[in-house]
C-alpha atoms as a PDB file:
ATOM      1  CA  MET A   1     -18.341  -1.439  14.877  1.00  0.00           C
ATOM      2  CA  THR A   2     -19.517   1.452  14.046  1.00  0.00           C
ATOM      3  CA  LEU A   3     -18.118   3.451  15.662  1.00  0.00           C
ATOM      4  CA  LEU A   4     -14.837   1.711  15.478  1.00  0.00           C
ATOM      5  CA  TRP A   5     -14.806   2.601  12.318  1.00  0.00           C
ATOM      6  CA  ILE A   6     -16.067   6.520  12.719  1.00  0.00           C
ATOM      7  CA  THR A   7     -13.591   7.504  14.807  1.00  0.00           C
ATOM      8  CA  ALA A   8     -11.345   5.492  12.469  1.00  0.00           C
ATOM      9  CA  THR A   9     -12.283   7.881   9.639  1.00  0.00           C
ATOM     10  CA  LEU A  10     -12.280  10.836  11.183  1.00  0.00           C
ATOM     11  CA  HIS A  11      -8.862  10.138  13.445  1.00  0.00           C
ATOM     12  CA  LEU A  12      -7.640   9.916   8.804  1.00  0.00           C
ATOM     13  CA  LEU A  13      -9.396  12.691   7.440  1.00  0.00           C
ATOM     14  CA  ALA A  14      -7.677  14.415   9.986  1.00  0.00           C
ATOM     15  CA  LEU A  15      -4.232  13.573   8.507  1.00  0.00           C
ATOM     16  CA  GLY A  16      -5.524  14.893   5.371  1.00  0.00           C
ATOM     17  CA  ILE A  17      -6.909  18.311   6.949  1.00  0.00           C
ATOM     18  CA  GLY A  18      -3.765  18.655   8.839  1.00  0.00           C
ATOM     19  CA  MET A  19      -1.049  17.670   6.587  1.00  0.00           C
ATOM     20  CA  GLY A  20      -2.272  20.308   4.196  1.00  0.00           C
ATOM     21  CA  ALA A  21      -3.053  22.897   6.679  1.00  0.00           C
ATOM     22  CA  ILE A  22      -0.042  22.824   7.905  1.00  0.00           C
ATOM     23  CA  TYR A  23       1.750  23.038   4.675  1.00  0.00           C
ATOM     24  CA  ALA A  24      -0.747  26.042   3.967  1.00  0.00           C
ATOM     25  CA  ARG A  25       0.416  27.925   6.698  1.00  0.00           C
ATOM     26  CA  ALA A  26       4.290  27.558   6.197  1.00  0.00           C
ATOM     27  CA  ARG A  27       4.072  28.019   2.889  1.00  0.00           C
ATOM     28  CA  LEU A  28       1.835  30.946   3.515  1.00  0.00           C
ATOM     29  CA  LEU A  29       3.993  32.433   6.568  1.00  0.00           C
ATOM     30  CA  LYS A  30       7.026  31.819   4.089  1.00  0.00           C
ATOM     31  CA  GLY A  31       5.651  35.054   1.737  1.00  0.00           C
ATOM     32  CA  LEU A  32       3.705  36.768   4.474  1.00  0.00           C
ATOM     33  CA  ARG A  33       4.180  40.699   3.942  1.00  0.00           C
ATOM     34  CA  THR A  34       1.431  42.300   4.609  1.00  0.00           C
ATOM     35  CA  PRO A  35      -1.625  42.145   6.540  1.00  0.00           C
ATOM     36  CA  ASP A  36      -3.539  42.084   3.824  1.00  0.00           C
ATOM     37  CA  GLN A  37      -2.568  38.285   3.093  1.00  0.00           C
ATOM     38  CA  LEU A  38      -3.083  36.923   7.054  1.00  0.00           C
ATOM     39  CA  SER A  39      -6.845  35.678   6.409  1.00  0.00           C
ATOM     40  CA  GLY A  40      -5.010  33.312   4.590  1.00  0.00           C
ATOM     41  CA  VAL A  41      -2.380  32.189   7.561  1.00  0.00           C
ATOM     42  CA  PHE A  42      -5.381  32.033  10.002  1.00  0.00           C
ATOM     43  CA  LEU A  43      -7.690  29.763   7.754  1.00  0.00           C
ATOM     44  CA  ALA A  44      -5.401  27.372   7.352  1.00  0.00           C
ATOM     45  CA  ASP A  45      -4.664  28.052  11.197  1.00  0.00           C
ATOM     46  CA  GLY A  46      -7.569  27.409  11.724  1.00  0.00           C
ATOM     47  CA  LEU A  47      -7.460  24.337   9.816  1.00  0.00           C
ATOM     48  CA  TRP A  48      -4.825  22.983  11.640  1.00  0.00           C
ATOM     49  CA  GLY A  49      -6.396  23.343  15.076  1.00  0.00           C
ATOM     50  CA  LEU A  50      -9.467  21.666  14.250  1.00  0.00           C
ATOM     51  CA  ALA A  51      -7.048  18.535  12.535  1.00  0.00           C
ATOM     52  CA  GLY A  52      -4.862  18.673  15.765  1.00  0.00           C
ATOM     53  CA  ALA A  53      -8.613  18.317  18.280  1.00  0.00           C
ATOM     54  CA  LEU A  54      -9.847  15.052  15.550  1.00  0.00           C
ATOM     55  CA  TRP A  55      -6.677  13.284  16.093  1.00  0.00           C
ATOM     56  CA  LEU A  56      -6.383  13.985  20.031  1.00  0.00           C
ATOM     57  CA  VAL A  57     -10.426  13.042  20.420  1.00  0.00           C
ATOM     58  CA  THR A  58      -9.970  10.103  18.223  1.00  0.00           C
ATOM     59  CA  GLY A  59      -6.836   8.742  18.977  1.00  0.00           C
ATOM     60  CA  LEU A  60      -8.049   8.648  23.134  1.00  0.00           C
ATOM     61  CA  LEU A  61     -10.939   7.237  21.903  1.00  0.00           C
ATOM     62  CA  ARG A  62      -8.869   4.197  20.169  1.00  0.00           C
ATOM     63  CA  ALA A  63      -6.936   4.107  21.905  1.00  0.00           C
ATOM     64  CA  PHE A  64      -8.285   4.028  25.844  1.00  0.00           C
ATOM     65  CA  THR A  65     -12.133   3.137  24.918  1.00  0.00           C
ATOM     66  CA  GLY A  66     -11.591  -0.535  24.328  1.00  0.00           C
ATOM     67  CA  LEU A  67     -12.727   0.709  20.028  1.00  0.00           C
ATOM     68  CA  ASP A  68      -9.272  -0.199  18.669  1.00  0.00           C
ATOM     69  CA  LYS A  69      -6.512  -2.954  19.664  1.00  0.00           C
ATOM     70  CA  GLY A  70      -7.343  -1.871  23.822  1.00  0.00           C
ATOM     71  CA  THR A  71      -4.987   0.237  26.265  1.00  0.00           C
ATOM     72  CA  ALA A  72      -2.935  -2.876  27.302  1.00  0.00           C
ATOM     73  CA  TYR A  73      -2.384  -2.855  23.181  1.00  0.00           C
ATOM     74  CA  TYR A  74      -1.502   0.340  23.104  1.00  0.00           C
ATOM     75  CA  LEU A  75       0.571   1.731  26.080  1.00  0.00           C
ATOM     76  CA  GLY A  76       2.501  -1.474  25.804  1.00  0.00           C
ATOM     77  CA  HIS A  77       3.926  -0.716  22.087  1.00  0.00           C
ATOM     78  CA  PRO A  78       7.468   1.218  22.481  1.00  0.00           C
ATOM     79  CA  LEU A  79       6.489   3.426  19.626  1.00  0.00           C
ATOM     80  CA  PHE A  80       2.758   4.321  21.046  1.00  0.00           C
ATOM     81  CA  HIS A  81       5.217   6.053  23.348  1.00  0.00           C
ATOM     82  CA  VAL A  82       7.716   7.225  20.708  1.00  0.00           C
ATOM     83  CA  LYS A  83       4.383   9.086  18.158  1.00  0.00           C
ATOM     84  CA  LEU A  84       2.856  10.440  21.705  1.00  0.00           C
ATOM     85  CA  THR A  85       6.600  11.671  22.609  1.00  0.00           C
ATOM     86  CA  LEU A  86       6.096  13.335  18.868  1.00  0.00           C
ATOM     87  CA  PHE A  87       2.771  14.278  19.081  1.00  0.00           C
ATOM     88  CA  VAL A  88       3.496  16.166  22.917  1.00  0.00           C
ATOM     89  CA  ILE A  89       6.757  17.936  20.681  1.00  0.00           C
ATOM     90  CA  ILE A  90       4.340  19.686  17.644  1.00  0.00           C
ATOM     91  CA  LEU A  91       2.112  21.344  20.544  1.00  0.00           C
ATOM     92  CA  GLY A  92       5.282  22.420  22.291  1.00  0.00           C
ATOM     93  CA  LEU A  93       6.744  23.914  19.507  1.00  0.00           C
ATOM     94  CA  GLU A  94       2.374  25.154  18.485  1.00  0.00           C
ATOM     95  CA  ILE A  95       2.922  27.840  21.549  1.00  0.00           C
ATOM     96  CA  ARG A  96       4.992  30.522  20.175  1.00  0.00           C
ATOM     97  CA  PRO A  97       3.320  30.346  16.864  1.00  0.00           C
ATOM     98  CA  MET A  98       0.197  30.811  18.354  1.00  0.00           C
ATOM     99  CA  ILE A  99       0.693  33.412  20.847  1.00  0.00           C
ATOM    100  CA  LEU A 100       1.151  35.373  17.718  1.00  0.00           C
ATOM    101  CA  LEU A 101      -0.972  34.473  15.422  1.00  0.00           C
ATOM    102  CA  LEU A 102      -3.786  35.498  18.756  1.00  0.00           C
ATOM    103  CA  ARG A 103      -1.792  38.927  18.056  1.00  0.00           C
ATOM    104  CA  TRP A 104      -1.888  38.991  14.826  1.00  0.00           C
ATOM    105  CA  ARG A 105      -5.837  39.030  15.340  1.00  0.00           C
ATOM    106  CA  ARG A 106      -6.153  40.994  17.287  1.00  0.00           C
ATOM    107  CA  GLU A 107      -3.836  44.018  15.520  1.00  0.00           C
ATOM    108  CA  ARG A 108      -4.781  42.987  12.171  1.00  0.00           C
ATOM    109  CA  SER A 109      -6.553  46.238  11.943  1.00  0.00           C
ATOM    110  CA  GLY A 110      -3.065  47.524  12.901  1.00  0.00           C
ATOM    111  CA  SER A 111       0.007  47.574  11.824  1.00  0.00           C
ATOM    112  CA  PRO A 112       1.209  43.660  13.594  1.00  0.00           C
ATOM    113  CA  ASP A 113       5.147  42.609  13.863  1.00  0.00           C
ATOM    114  CA  LEU A 114       4.813  40.192  10.716  1.00  0.00           C
ATOM    115  CA  SER A 115       8.804  40.123  11.087  1.00  0.00           C
ATOM    116  CA  PRO A 116       8.263  36.131  13.086  1.00  0.00           C
ATOM    117  CA  ALA A 117       6.658  35.391  10.120  1.00  0.00           C
ATOM    118  CA  ARG A 118       9.216  32.932   7.995  1.00  0.00           C
ATOM    119  CA  GLY A 119      11.020  31.884  11.945  1.00  0.00           C
ATOM    120  CA  MET A 120       6.982  30.224  11.690  1.00  0.00           C
ATOM    121  CA  ALA A 121       7.639  29.424   8.683  1.00  0.00           C
ATOM    122  CA  ARG A 122      10.265  26.828   9.829  1.00  0.00           C
ATOM    123  CA  THR A 123       8.909  25.784  12.616  1.00  0.00           C
ATOM    124  CA  SER A 124       5.278  24.684  10.263  1.00  0.00           C
ATOM    125  CA  HIS A 125       8.053  22.606   8.547  1.00  0.00           C
ATOM    126  CA  LEU A 126       9.568  20.708  10.705  1.00  0.00           C
ATOM    127  CA  GLN A 127       5.991  20.009  12.941  1.00  0.00           C
ATOM    128  CA  PHE A 128       4.673  18.823   9.228  1.00  0.00           C
ATOM    129  CA  GLY A 129       7.735  16.139   9.378  1.00  0.00           C
ATOM    130  CA  LEU A 130       7.092  15.149  12.582  1.00  0.00           C
ATOM    131  CA  VAL A 131       3.666  14.316  11.601  1.00  0.00           C
ATOM    132  CA  PHE A 132       4.868  12.237   8.864  1.00  0.00           C
ATOM    133  CA  LEU A 133       6.869  10.618  11.243  1.00  0.00           C
ATOM    134  CA  ILE A 134       4.049   9.818  13.514  1.00  0.00           C
ATOM    135  CA  VAL A 135       2.766   8.422  10.599  1.00  0.00           C
ATOM    136  CA  LEU A 136       5.007   6.173  10.047  1.00  0.00           C
ATOM    137  CA  LEU A 137       5.033   5.285  13.761  1.00  0.00           C
ATOM    138  CA  ALA A 138       0.907   4.466  13.492  1.00  0.00           C
ATOM    139  CA  THR A 139       1.095   2.525  11.034  1.00  0.00           C
ATOM    140  CA  ALA A 140       3.916   0.572  12.530  1.00  0.00           C
ATOM    141  CA  ILE A 141       1.913   0.595  15.844  1.00  0.00           C
ATOM    142  CA  ALA A 142      -1.275  -1.305  13.762  1.00  0.00           C
ATOM    143  CA  ARG A 143       0.409  -3.666  12.199  1.00  0.00           C
ATOM    144  CA  GLY A 144       2.389  -5.093  15.426  1.00  0.00           C
ATOM    145  CA  LEU A 145       5.382  -4.501  14.250  1.00  0.00           C
ATOM    146  CA  PHE A 146       8.149  -3.967  17.009  1.00  0.00           C
ATOM    147  CA  TYR A 147       5.864  -5.357  19.264  1.00  0.00           C
ATOM    148  CA  PRO A 148       7.268  -6.710  22.243  1.00  0.00           C
ATOM    149  CA  THR A 149       6.514 -10.295  22.335  1.00  0.00           C
ATOM    150  CA  GLY A 150       6.646 -12.757  25.359  1.00  0.00           C
END
């Protein structure tokens, strides 16, 4: 019971961290003009990564170790599959920003090309919206809405 409580708590804390971080990253990227502004972007991106790791680990523990409703419940729920698909889309959308941010970290002391920042901001806003949809799905799943009967 304690492990379920801890994993559920961490899963929900990741929501606050992740939503705040991806929103902050989008805003900072949108206003990015000089390399000296990158430290805030890197901090927000690190928190976004932390949230993603927490979601993944705690979600897997809750869904597939019997801590929560059980594997059969989640795998039998159609919204769970939609939720996982959205999570994979978020991960896919993260590939380009991740590569660019790693490049900017390496080139930080020089003069990195910051021109992709506005596009990355749009990607971050899209990811924010997808996380919001995941939350809607998660609450429906938790309450058994749309669960096939019979």
